[in-house]
Amino acid sequence: MLHGRPASAGTASGPARIVRGPDDFDRVRRGDVLICRFTDPAWTPLFGVVAAVVTEIGGPLSHAAIVAREQRIPAVVGVAEAMSVLVDGTPTTVDGTAGTVANC
């Protein structure tokens, strides 16, 4: 189990989708858990598709945290090494209230 900063409350599960940049956006499917280094405004459309968001850097005022709260999807930010520890496509549960992320 990985730990980070709670950024948007709630719990959601889905396949982990590791996204390194905009070139990977077309890999994201409805219900995926977005795993990335950080987000910026170009990433905003993905928030309408994914079940939850996990970023390696960021805090409660980061882009990922703010947009996740607006979209009412769970988010955990500041999860060190999330992109290297979590396995793409593996069922993943995000608890945005506790700040935890677990591959199942």
PDB file of N, CA and C in Angstrom:
ATOM      1  N   MET A   1       0.848  -1.175   0.000  1.00  0.00           N
ATOM      2  CA  MET A   1       0.000   0.000   0.000  1.00  0.00           C
ATOM      3  C   MET A   1       0.892   1.237   0.000  1.00  0.00           C
ATOM      4  N   LEU A   2       0.503   2.210  -0.833  1.00  0.00           N
ATOM      5  CA  LEU A   2       1.227   3.475  -0.910  1.00  0.00           C
ATOM      6  C   LEU A   2       0.463   4.552  -0.153  1.00  0.00           C
ATOM      7  N   HIS A   3       1.196   5.542   0.315  1.00  0.00           N
ATOM      8  CA  HIS A   3       0.583   6.641   1.068  1.00  0.00           C
ATOM      9  C   HIS A   3       0.959   7.978   0.436  1.00  0.00           C
ATOM     10  N   GLY A   4       0.017   8.893   0.479  1.00  0.00           N
ATOM     11  CA  GLY A   4       0.238  10.244  -0.019  1.00  0.00           C
ATOM     12  C   GLY A   4      -0.638  11.201   0.752  1.00  0.00           C
ATOM     13  N   ARG A   5      -0.881  12.345   0.164  1.00  0.00           N
ATOM     14  CA  ARG A   5      -1.734  13.359   0.796  1.00  0.00           C
ATOM     15  C   ARG A   5      -3.160  13.231   0.290  1.00  0.00           C
ATOM     16  N   PRO A   6      -4.118  13.121   1.195  1.00  0.00           N
ATOM     17  CA  PRO A   6      -5.516  13.116   0.754  1.00  0.00           C
ATOM     18  C   PRO A   6      -5.814  14.421   0.023  1.00  0.00           C
ATOM     19  N   ALA A   7      -6.418  14.338  -1.148  1.00  0.00           N
ATOM     20  CA  ALA A   7      -6.661  15.540  -1.938  1.00  0.00           C
ATOM     21  C   ALA A   7      -8.128  15.730  -2.312  1.00  0.00           C
ATOM     22  N   SER A   8      -8.868  14.632  -2.441  1.00  0.00           N
ATOM     23  CA  SER A   8     -10.288  14.685  -2.748  1.00  0.00           C
ATOM     24  C   SER A   8     -10.922  13.427  -2.160  1.00  0.00           C
ATOM     25  N   ALA A   9     -11.888  13.614  -1.286  1.00  0.00           N
ATOM     26  CA  ALA A   9     -12.460  12.522  -0.494  1.00  0.00           C
ATOM     27  C   ALA A   9     -13.199  11.500  -1.349  1.00  0.00           C
ATOM     28  N   GLY A  10     -13.253  10.298  -0.806  1.00  0.00           N
ATOM     29  CA  GLY A  10     -13.990   9.210  -1.433  1.00  0.00           C
ATOM     30  C   GLY A  10     -13.082   8.050  -1.759  1.00  0.00           C
ATOM     31  N   THR A  11     -13.703   6.951  -2.176  1.00  0.00           N
ATOM     32  CA  THR A  11     -12.975   5.749  -2.535  1.00  0.00           C
ATOM     33  C   THR A  11     -13.459   5.275  -3.901  1.00  0.00           C
ATOM     34  N   ALA A  12     -12.520   4.855  -4.733  1.00  0.00           N
ATOM     35  CA  ALA A  12     -12.876   4.315  -6.047  1.00  0.00           C
ATOM     36  C   ALA A  12     -11.844   3.275  -6.446  1.00  0.00           C
ATOM     37  N   SER A  13     -12.279   2.346  -7.289  1.00  0.00           N
ATOM     38  CA  SER A  13     -11.392   1.303  -7.792  1.00  0.00           C
ATOM     39  C   SER A  13     -11.524   1.200  -9.298  1.00  0.00           C
ATOM     40  N   GLY A  14     -10.448   0.764  -9.908  1.00  0.00           N
ATOM     41  CA  GLY A  14     -10.432   0.554 -11.352  1.00  0.00           C
ATOM     42  C   GLY A  14      -9.038   0.156 -11.767  1.00  0.00           C
ATOM     43  N   PRO A  15      -8.863  -0.146 -13.044  1.00  0.00           N
ATOM     44  CA  PRO A  15      -7.535  -0.507 -13.515  1.00  0.00           C
ATOM     45  C   PRO A  15      -6.602   0.702 -13.493  1.00  0.00           C
ATOM     46  N   ALA A  16      -5.377   0.496 -12.999  1.00  0.00           N
ATOM     47  CA  ALA A  16      -4.381   1.569 -13.009  1.00  0.00           C
ATOM     48  C   ALA A  16      -4.030   1.905 -14.451  1.00  0.00           C
ATOM     49  N   ARG A  17      -3.957   3.192 -14.745  1.00  0.00           N
ATOM     50  CA  ARG A  17      -3.538   3.614 -16.082  1.00  0.00           C
ATOM     51  C   ARG A  17      -2.408   4.617 -15.899  1.00  0.00           C
ATOM     52  N   ILE A  18      -1.178   4.184 -16.158  1.00  0.00           N
ATOM     53  CA  ILE A  18      -0.017   5.045 -16.006  1.00  0.00           C
ATOM     54  C   ILE A  18       0.110   5.907 -17.252  1.00  0.00           C
ATOM     55  N   VAL A  19       0.057   7.215 -17.032  1.00  0.00           N
ATOM     56  CA  VAL A  19       0.085   8.178 -18.129  1.00  0.00           C
ATOM     57  C   VAL A  19       1.281   9.105 -17.922  1.00  0.00           C
ATOM     58  N   ARG A  20       2.205   9.058 -18.876  1.00  0.00           N
ATOM     59  CA  ARG A  20       3.436   9.855 -18.762  1.00  0.00           C
ATOM     60  C   ARG A  20       3.300  11.247 -19.366  1.00  0.00           C
ATOM     61  N   GLY A  21       2.325  11.436 -20.232  1.00  0.00           N
ATOM     62  CA  GLY A  21       2.121  12.736 -20.858  1.00  0.00           C
ATOM     63  C   GLY A  21       0.974  12.686 -21.841  1.00  0.00           C
ATOM     64  N   PRO A  22       0.721  13.817 -22.522  1.00  0.00           N
ATOM     65  CA  PRO A  22      -0.409  13.894 -23.450  1.00  0.00           C
ATOM     66  C   PRO A  22      -0.417  12.821 -24.535  1.00  0.00           C
ATOM     67  N   ASP A  23       0.745  12.307 -24.912  1.00  0.00           N
ATOM     68  CA  ASP A  23       0.776  11.252 -25.933  1.00  0.00           C
ATOM     69  C   ASP A  23       0.092   9.970 -25.457  1.00  0.00           C
ATOM     70  N   ASP A  24      -0.073   9.818 -24.146  1.00  0.00           N
ATOM     71  CA  ASP A  24      -0.713   8.626 -23.577  1.00  0.00           C
ATOM     72  C   ASP A  24      -2.211   8.817 -23.302  1.00  0.00           C
ATOM     73  N   PHE A  25      -2.743   9.999 -23.543  1.00  0.00           N
ATOM     74  CA  PHE A  25      -4.147  10.272 -23.204  1.00  0.00           C
ATOM     75  C   PHE A  25      -5.114   9.291 -23.859  1.00  0.00           C
ATOM     76  N   ASP A  26      -4.808   8.850 -25.068  1.00  0.00           N
ATOM     77  CA  ASP A  26      -5.729   7.955 -25.779  1.00  0.00           C
ATOM     78  C   ASP A  26      -5.784   6.556 -25.166  1.00  0.00           C
ATOM     79  N   ARG A  27      -4.904   6.250 -24.229  1.00  0.00           N
ATOM     80  CA  ARG A  27      -4.925   4.957 -23.521  1.00  0.00           C
ATOM     81  C   ARG A  27      -5.942   4.941 -22.380  1.00  0.00           C
ATOM     82  N   VAL A  28      -6.395   6.114 -21.963  1.00  0.00           N
ATOM     83  CA  VAL A  28      -7.272   6.231 -20.791  1.00  0.00           C
ATOM     84  C   VAL A  28      -8.702   5.879 -21.187  1.00  0.00           C
ATOM     85  N   ARG A  29      -9.300   5.002 -20.364  1.00  0.00           N
ATOM     86  CA  ARG A  29     -10.684   4.568 -20.581  1.00  0.00           C
ATOM     87  C   ARG A  29     -11.538   4.924 -19.375  1.00  0.00           C
ATOM     88  N   ARG A  30     -12.827   4.992 -19.596  1.00  0.00           N
ATOM     89  CA  ARG A  30     -13.763   5.290 -18.513  1.00  0.00           C
ATOM     90  C   ARG A  30     -13.562   4.288 -17.369  1.00  0.00           C
ATOM     91  N   GLY A  31     -13.439   4.819 -16.144  1.00  0.00           N
ATOM     92  CA  GLY A  31     -13.292   3.974 -14.971  1.00  0.00           C
ATOM     93  C   GLY A  31     -11.859   3.662 -14.586  1.00  0.00           C
ATOM     94  N   ASP A  32     -10.883   4.103 -15.394  1.00  0.00           N
ATOM     95  CA  ASP A  32      -9.477   3.894 -15.044  1.00  0.00           C
ATOM     96  C   ASP A  32      -9.086   4.740 -13.840  1.00  0.00           C
ATOM     97  N   VAL A  33      -8.015   4.334 -13.175  1.00  0.00           N
ATOM     98  CA  VAL A  33      -7.396   5.150 -12.131  1.00  0.00           C
ATOM     99  C   VAL A  33      -6.169   5.791 -12.765  1.00  0.00           C
ATOM    100  N   LEU A  34      -6.207   7.103 -12.914  1.00  0.00           N
ATOM    101  CA  LEU A  34      -5.121   7.850 -13.530  1.00  0.00           C
ATOM    102  C   LEU A  34      -3.929   7.913 -12.583  1.00  0.00           C
ATOM    103  N   ILE A  35      -2.769   7.435 -13.051  1.00  0.00           N
ATOM    104  CA  ILE A  35      -1.523   7.485 -12.290  1.00  0.00           C
ATOM    105  C   ILE A  35      -0.552   8.327 -13.116  1.00  0.00           C
ATOM    106  N   CYS A  36      -0.067   9.436 -12.554  1.00  0.00           N
ATOM    107  CA  CYS A  36       0.824  10.311 -13.303  1.00  0.00           C
ATOM    108  C   CYS A  36       1.735  11.104 -12.367  1.00  0.00           C
ATOM    109  N   ARG A  37       2.694  11.792 -12.957  1.00  0.00           N
ATOM    110  CA  ARG A  37       3.610  12.595 -12.143  1.00  0.00           C
ATOM    111  C   ARG A  37       2.885  13.804 -11.582  1.00  0.00           C
ATOM    112  N   PHE A  38       2.156  14.532 -12.423  1.00  0.00           N
ATOM    113  CA  PHE A  38       1.368  15.702 -12.032  1.00  0.00           C
ATOM    114  C   PHE A  38       0.392  15.983 -13.161  1.00  0.00           C
ATOM    115  N   THR A  39      -0.524  16.900 -12.944  1.00  0.00           N
ATOM    116  CA  THR A  39      -1.432  17.316 -14.015  1.00  0.00           C
ATOM    117  C   THR A  39      -1.345  18.826 -14.178  1.00  0.00           C
ATOM    118  N   ASP A  40      -1.807  19.284 -15.326  1.00  0.00           N
ATOM    119  CA  ASP A  40      -1.949  20.718 -15.595  1.00  0.00           C
ATOM    120  C   ASP A  40      -3.246  20.872 -16.391  1.00  0.00           C
ATOM    121  N   PRO A  41      -3.621  22.084 -16.768  1.00  0.00           N
ATOM    122  CA  PRO A  41      -4.920  22.253 -17.444  1.00  0.00           C
ATOM    123  C   PRO A  41      -5.134  21.377 -18.681  1.00  0.00           C
ATOM    124  N   ALA A  42      -4.087  20.983 -19.385  1.00  0.00           N
ATOM    125  CA  ALA A  42      -4.252  20.119 -20.557  1.00  0.00           C
ATOM    126  C   ALA A  42      -4.821  18.752 -20.182  1.00  0.00           C
ATOM    127  N   TRP A  43      -4.655  18.342 -18.933  1.00  0.00           N
ATOM    128  CA  TRP A  43      -5.114  17.043 -18.460  1.00  0.00           C
ATOM    129  C   TRP A  43      -6.580  17.060 -18.009  1.00  0.00           C
ATOM    130  N   THR A  44      -7.168  18.225 -17.881  1.00  0.00           N
ATOM    131  CA  THR A  44      -8.515  18.356 -17.308  1.00  0.00           C
ATOM    132  C   THR A  44      -9.560  17.448 -17.962  1.00  0.00           C
ATOM    133  N   PRO A  45      -9.593  17.259 -19.285  1.00  0.00           N
ATOM    134  CA  PRO A  45     -10.613  16.376 -19.864  1.00  0.00           C
ATOM    135  C   PRO A  45     -10.576  14.948 -19.316  1.00  0.00           C
ATOM    136  N   LEU A  46      -9.418  14.472 -18.895  1.00  0.00           N
ATOM    137  CA  LEU A  46      -9.320  13.109 -18.359  1.00  0.00           C
ATOM    138  C   LEU A  46     -10.111  12.949 -17.067  1.00  0.00           C
ATOM    139  N   PHE A  47     -10.281  14.029 -16.319  1.00  0.00           N
ATOM    140  CA  PHE A  47     -10.975  13.961 -15.037  1.00  0.00           C
ATOM    141  C   PHE A  47     -12.459  13.618 -15.211  1.00  0.00           C
ATOM    142  N   GLY A  48     -13.003  13.833 -16.388  1.00  0.00           N
ATOM    143  CA  GLY A  48     -14.379  13.456 -16.666  1.00  0.00           C
ATOM    144  C   GLY A  48     -14.537  11.995 -17.032  1.00  0.00           C
ATOM    145  N   VAL A  49     -13.419  11.282 -17.167  1.00  0.00           N
ATOM    146  CA  VAL A  49     -13.418   9.892 -17.603  1.00  0.00           C
ATOM    147  C   VAL A  49     -12.976   8.945 -16.499  1.00  0.00           C
ATOM    148  N   VAL A  50     -11.970   9.332 -15.736  1.00  0.00           N
ATOM    149  CA  VAL A  50     -11.351   8.423 -14.760  1.00  0.00           C
ATOM    150  C   VAL A  50     -12.170   8.304 -13.477  1.00  0.00           C
ATOM    151  N   ALA A  51     -11.920   7.205 -12.751  1.00  0.00           N
ATOM    152  CA  ALA A  51     -12.599   6.962 -11.477  1.00  0.00           C
ATOM    153  C   ALA A  51     -11.880   7.645 -10.317  1.00  0.00           C
ATOM    154  N   ALA A  52     -10.557   7.828 -10.455  1.00  0.00           N
ATOM    155  CA  ALA A  52      -9.754   8.426  -9.391  1.00  0.00           C
ATOM    156  C   ALA A  52      -8.428   8.895  -9.986  1.00  0.00           C
ATOM    157  N   VAL A  53      -7.698   9.705  -9.205  1.00  0.00           N
ATOM    158  CA  VAL A  53      -6.429  10.270  -9.659  1.00  0.00           C
ATOM    159  C   VAL A  53      -5.369  10.078  -8.578  1.00  0.00           C
ATOM    160  N   VAL A  54      -4.165   9.695  -9.021  1.00  0.00           N
ATOM    161  CA  VAL A  54      -3.005   9.576  -8.139  1.00  0.00           C
ATOM    162  C   VAL A  54      -1.852  10.299  -8.824  1.00  0.00           C
ATOM    163  N   THR A  55      -1.200  11.234  -8.099  1.00  0.00           N
ATOM    164  CA  THR A  55      -0.035  11.917  -8.650  1.00  0.00           C
ATOM    165  C   THR A  55       1.170  11.720  -7.740  1.00  0.00           C
ATOM    166  N   GLU A  56       2.354  11.780  -8.343  1.00  0.00           N
ATOM    167  CA  GLU A  56       3.580  11.628  -7.564  1.00  0.00           C
ATOM    168  C   GLU A  56       3.950  12.910  -6.823  1.00  0.00           C
ATOM    169  N   ILE A  57       3.608  14.040  -7.395  1.00  0.00           N
ATOM    170  CA  ILE A  57       3.899  15.311  -6.732  1.00  0.00           C
ATOM    171  C   ILE A  57       2.611  16.118  -6.620  1.00  0.00           C
ATOM    172  N   GLY A  58       2.625  17.094  -5.732  1.00  0.00           N
ATOM    173  CA  GLY A  58       1.465  17.959  -5.570  1.00  0.00           C
ATOM    174  C   GLY A  58       0.976  17.977  -4.140  1.00  0.00           C
ATOM    175  N   GLY A  59       0.123  18.922  -3.871  1.00  0.00           N
ATOM    176  CA  GLY A  59      -0.460  19.093  -2.559  1.00  0.00           C
ATOM    177  C   GLY A  59      -1.932  19.432  -2.689  1.00  0.00           C
ATOM    178  N   PRO A  60      -2.564  19.853  -1.608  1.00  0.00           N
ATOM    179  CA  PRO A  60      -4.007  20.114  -1.633  1.00  0.00           C
ATOM    180  C   PRO A  60      -4.424  21.257  -2.555  1.00  0.00           C
ATOM    181  N   LEU A  61      -3.484  22.089  -2.962  1.00  0.00           N
ATOM    182  CA  LEU A  61      -3.816  23.182  -3.877  1.00  0.00           C
ATOM    183  C   LEU A  61      -3.289  22.941  -5.287  1.00  0.00           C
ATOM    184  N   SER A  62      -2.822  21.733  -5.554  1.00  0.00           N
ATOM    185  CA  SER A  62      -2.334  21.406  -6.894  1.00  0.00           C
ATOM    186  C   SER A  62      -3.504  21.300  -7.875  1.00  0.00           C
ATOM    187  N   HIS A  63      -3.172  21.368  -9.155  1.00  0.00           N
ATOM    188  CA  HIS A  63      -4.195  21.239 -10.193  1.00  0.00           C
ATOM    189  C   HIS A  63      -5.001  19.956 -10.027  1.00  0.00           C
ATOM    190  N   ALA A  64      -4.310  18.824  -9.815  1.00  0.00           N
ATOM    191  CA  ALA A  64      -5.004  17.537  -9.681  1.00  0.00           C
ATOM    192  C   ALA A  64      -5.990  17.555  -8.522  1.00  0.00           C
ATOM    193  N   ALA A  65      -5.577  18.103  -7.391  1.00  0.00           N
ATOM    194  CA  ALA A  65      -6.438  18.134  -6.211  1.00  0.00           C
ATOM    195  C   ALA A  65      -7.678  18.996  -6.444  1.00  0.00           C
ATOM    196  N   ILE A  66      -7.477  20.162  -6.999  1.00  0.00           N
ATOM    197  CA  ILE A  66      -8.591  21.097  -7.205  1.00  0.00           C
ATOM    198  C   ILE A  66      -9.602  20.536  -8.201  1.00  0.00           C
ATOM    199  N   VAL A  67      -9.120  20.035  -9.335  1.00  0.00           N
ATOM    200  CA  VAL A  67     -10.040  19.518 -10.360  1.00  0.00           C
ATOM    201  C   VAL A  67     -10.730  18.247  -9.878  1.00  0.00           C
ATOM    202  N   ALA A  68     -10.019  17.397  -9.157  1.00  0.00           N
ATOM    203  CA  ALA A  68     -10.652  16.187  -8.616  1.00  0.00           C
ATOM    204  C   ALA A  68     -11.799  16.556  -7.670  1.00  0.00           C
ATOM    205  N   ARG A  69     -11.585  17.544  -6.824  1.00  0.00           N
ATOM    206  CA  ARG A  69     -12.676  17.972  -5.927  1.00  0.00           C
ATOM    207  C   ARG A  69     -13.844  18.536  -6.723  1.00  0.00           C
ATOM    208  N   GLU A  70     -13.545  19.329  -7.757  1.00  0.00           N
ATOM    209  CA  GLU A  70     -14.621  19.876  -8.598  1.00  0.00           C
ATOM    210  C   GLU A  70     -15.422  18.761  -9.268  1.00  0.00           C
ATOM    211  N   GLN A  71     -14.729  17.713  -9.708  1.00  0.00           N
ATOM    212  CA  GLN A  71     -15.383  16.593 -10.404  1.00  0.00           C
ATOM    213  C   GLN A  71     -15.918  15.531  -9.448  1.00  0.00           C
ATOM    214  N   ARG A  72     -15.614  15.713  -8.153  1.00  0.00           N
ATOM    215  CA  ARG A  72     -16.049  14.784  -7.108  1.00  0.00           C
ATOM    216  C   ARG A  72     -15.537  13.357  -7.347  1.00  0.00           C
ATOM    217  N   ILE A  73     -14.236  13.280  -7.654  1.00  0.00           N
ATOM    218  CA  ILE A  73     -13.595  11.974  -7.767  1.00  0.00           C
ATOM    219  C   ILE A  73     -12.453  11.895  -6.758  1.00  0.00           C
ATOM    220  N   PRO A  74     -12.213  10.738  -6.182  1.00  0.00           N
ATOM    221  CA  PRO A  74     -11.144  10.596  -5.194  1.00  0.00           C
ATOM    222  C   PRO A  74      -9.775  10.899  -5.801  1.00  0.00           C
ATOM    223  N   ALA A  75      -8.918  11.510  -4.976  1.00  0.00           N
ATOM    224  CA  ALA A  75      -7.555  11.791  -5.422  1.00  0.00           C
ATOM    225  C   ALA A  75      -6.596  11.729  -4.246  1.00  0.00           C
ATOM    226  N   VAL A  76      -5.412  11.192  -4.533  1.00  0.00           N
ATOM    227  CA  VAL A  76      -4.309  11.188  -3.575  1.00  0.00           C
ATOM    228  C   VAL A  76      -3.107  11.754  -4.320  1.00  0.00           C
ATOM    229  N   VAL A  77      -2.469  12.763  -3.738  1.00  0.00           N
ATOM    230  CA  VAL A  77      -1.329  13.409  -4.380  1.00  0.00           C
ATOM    231  C   VAL A  77      -0.077  13.218  -3.531  1.00  0.00           C
ATOM    232  N   GLY A  78       1.069  13.459  -4.138  1.00  0.00           N
ATOM    233  CA  GLY A  78       2.318  13.313  -3.407  1.00  0.00           C
ATOM    234  C   GLY A  78       2.653  11.872  -3.066  1.00  0.00           C
ATOM    235  N   VAL A  79       2.286  10.945  -3.947  1.00  0.00           N
ATOM    236  CA  VAL A  79       2.566   9.523  -3.735  1.00  0.00           C
ATOM    237  C   VAL A  79       3.900   9.198  -4.413  1.00  0.00           C
ATOM    238  N   ALA A  80       4.969   9.232  -3.644  1.00  0.00           N
ATOM    239  CA  ALA A  80       6.304   9.018  -4.196  1.00  0.00           C
ATOM    240  C   ALA A  80       6.394   7.679  -4.926  1.00  0.00           C
ATOM    241  N   GLU A  81       6.963   7.703  -6.117  1.00  0.00           N
ATOM    242  CA  GLU A  81       7.225   6.512  -6.923  1.00  0.00           C
ATOM    243  C   GLU A  81       5.970   5.756  -7.364  1.00  0.00           C
ATOM    244  N   ALA A  82       4.827   6.415  -7.372  1.00  0.00           N
ATOM    245  CA  ALA A  82       3.587   5.743  -7.786  1.00  0.00           C
ATOM    246  C   ALA A  82       3.691   5.162  -9.191  1.00  0.00           C
ATOM    247  N   MET A  83       4.347   5.889 -10.098  1.00  0.00           N
ATOM    248  CA  MET A  83       4.433   5.432 -11.482  1.00  0.00           C
ATOM    249  C   MET A  83       5.353   4.227 -11.653  1.00  0.00           C
ATOM    250  N   SER A  84       6.265   4.021 -10.736  1.00  0.00           N
ATOM    251  CA  SER A  84       7.166   2.874 -10.857  1.00  0.00           C
ATOM    252  C   SER A  84       6.714   1.687 -10.008  1.00  0.00           C
ATOM    253  N   VAL A  85       5.922   1.935  -8.966  1.00  0.00           N
ATOM    254  CA  VAL A  85       5.474   0.859  -8.079  1.00  0.00           C
ATOM    255  C   VAL A  85       4.150   0.257  -8.554  1.00  0.00           C
ATOM    256  N   LEU A  86       3.214   1.081  -8.967  1.00  0.00           N
ATOM    257  CA  LEU A  86       1.914   0.589  -9.415  1.00  0.00           C
ATOM    258  C   LEU A  86       2.055  -0.005 -10.813  1.00  0.00           C
ATOM    259  N   VAL A  87       1.287  -1.042 -11.075  1.00  0.00           N
ATOM    260  CA  VAL A  87       1.395  -1.779 -12.336  1.00  0.00           C
ATOM    261  C   VAL A  87       0.225  -1.402 -13.243  1.00  0.00           C
ATOM    262  N   ASP A  88       0.555  -0.965 -14.455  1.00  0.00           N
ATOM    263  CA  ASP A  88      -0.458  -0.562 -15.423  1.00  0.00           C
ATOM    264  C   ASP A  88      -1.440  -1.698 -15.666  1.00  0.00           C
ATOM    265  N   GLY A  89      -2.730  -1.383 -15.609  1.00  0.00           N
ATOM    266  CA  GLY A  89      -3.781  -2.355 -15.869  1.00  0.00           C
ATOM    267  C   GLY A  89      -4.230  -3.160 -14.663  1.00  0.00           C
ATOM    268  N   THR A  90      -3.506  -3.068 -13.557  1.00  0.00           N
ATOM    269  CA  THR A  90      -3.842  -3.834 -12.357  1.00  0.00           C
ATOM    270  C   THR A  90      -4.964  -3.145 -11.590  1.00  0.00           C
ATOM    271  N   PRO A  91      -5.951  -3.898 -11.083  1.00  0.00           N
ATOM    272  CA  PRO A  91      -6.995  -3.283 -10.266  1.00  0.00           C
ATOM    273  C   PRO A  91      -6.369  -2.499  -9.100  1.00  0.00           C
ATOM    274  N   THR A  92      -6.820  -1.263  -8.942  1.00  0.00           N
ATOM    275  CA  THR A  92      -6.247  -0.350  -7.958  1.00  0.00           C
ATOM    276  C   THR A  92      -7.366   0.350  -7.206  1.00  0.00           C
ATOM    277  N   THR A  93      -7.182   0.492  -5.893  1.00  0.00           N
ATOM    278  CA  THR A  93      -8.162   1.201  -5.065  1.00  0.00           C
ATOM    279  C   THR A  93      -7.518   2.450  -4.504  1.00  0.00           C
ATOM    280  N   VAL A  94      -8.217   3.571  -4.663  1.00  0.00           N
ATOM    281  CA  VAL A  94      -7.761   4.865  -4.169  1.00  0.00           C
ATOM    282  C   VAL A  94      -8.699   5.318  -3.068  1.00  0.00           C
ATOM    283  N   ASP A  95      -8.147   5.629  -1.897  1.00  0.00           N
ATOM    284  CA  ASP A  95      -8.924   6.197  -0.795  1.00  0.00           C
ATOM    285  C   ASP A  95      -8.462   7.634  -0.603  1.00  0.00           C
ATOM    286  N   GLY A  96      -9.208   8.552  -1.178  1.00  0.00           N
ATOM    287  CA  GLY A  96      -8.867   9.969  -1.137  1.00  0.00           C
ATOM    288  C   GLY A  96      -9.109  10.598   0.215  1.00  0.00           C
ATOM    289  N   THR A  97      -9.772   9.904   1.112  1.00  0.00           N
ATOM    290  CA  THR A  97      -9.983  10.401   2.463  1.00  0.00           C
ATOM    291  C   THR A  97      -8.796  10.037   3.354  1.00  0.00           C
ATOM    292  N   ALA A  98      -8.323   8.808   3.226  1.00  0.00           N
ATOM    293  CA  ALA A  98      -7.188   8.334   4.041  1.00  0.00           C
ATOM    294  C   ALA A  98      -5.837   8.633   3.390  1.00  0.00           C
ATOM    295  N   GLY A  99      -5.823   8.881   2.087  1.00  0.00           N
ATOM    296  CA  GLY A  99      -4.564   9.132   1.389  1.00  0.00           C
ATOM    297  C   GLY A  99      -3.807   7.866   1.047  1.00  0.00           C
ATOM    298  N   THR A 100      -4.530   6.784   0.732  1.00  0.00           N
ATOM    299  CA  THR A 100      -3.875   5.512   0.429  1.00  0.00           C
ATOM    300  C   THR A 100      -4.217   5.047  -0.989  1.00  0.00           C
ATOM    301  N   VAL A 101      -3.289   4.254  -1.547  1.00  0.00           N
ATOM    302  CA  VAL A 101      -3.461   3.676  -2.878  1.00  0.00           C
ATOM    303  C   VAL A 101      -2.971   2.233  -2.792  1.00  0.00           C
ATOM    304  N   ALA A 102      -3.778   1.289  -3.288  1.00  0.00           N
ATOM    305  CA  ALA A 102      -3.401  -0.120  -3.221  1.00  0.00           C
ATOM    306  C   ALA A 102      -3.698  -0.816  -4.531  1.00  0.00           C
ATOM    307  N   ASN A 103      -2.695  -1.532  -5.078  1.00  0.00           N
ATOM    308  CA  ASN A 103      -2.919  -2.456  -6.192  1.00  0.00           C
ATOM    309  C   ASN A 103      -3.504  -3.711  -5.593  1.00  0.00           C
ATOM    310  N   CYS A 104      -4.560  -4.238  -6.192  1.00  0.00           N
ATOM    311  CA  CYS A 104      -5.210  -5.432  -5.657  1.00  0.00           C
ATOM    312  C   CYS A 104      -4.644  -6.692  -6.278  1.00  0.00           C
TER     313      CYS A 104
END
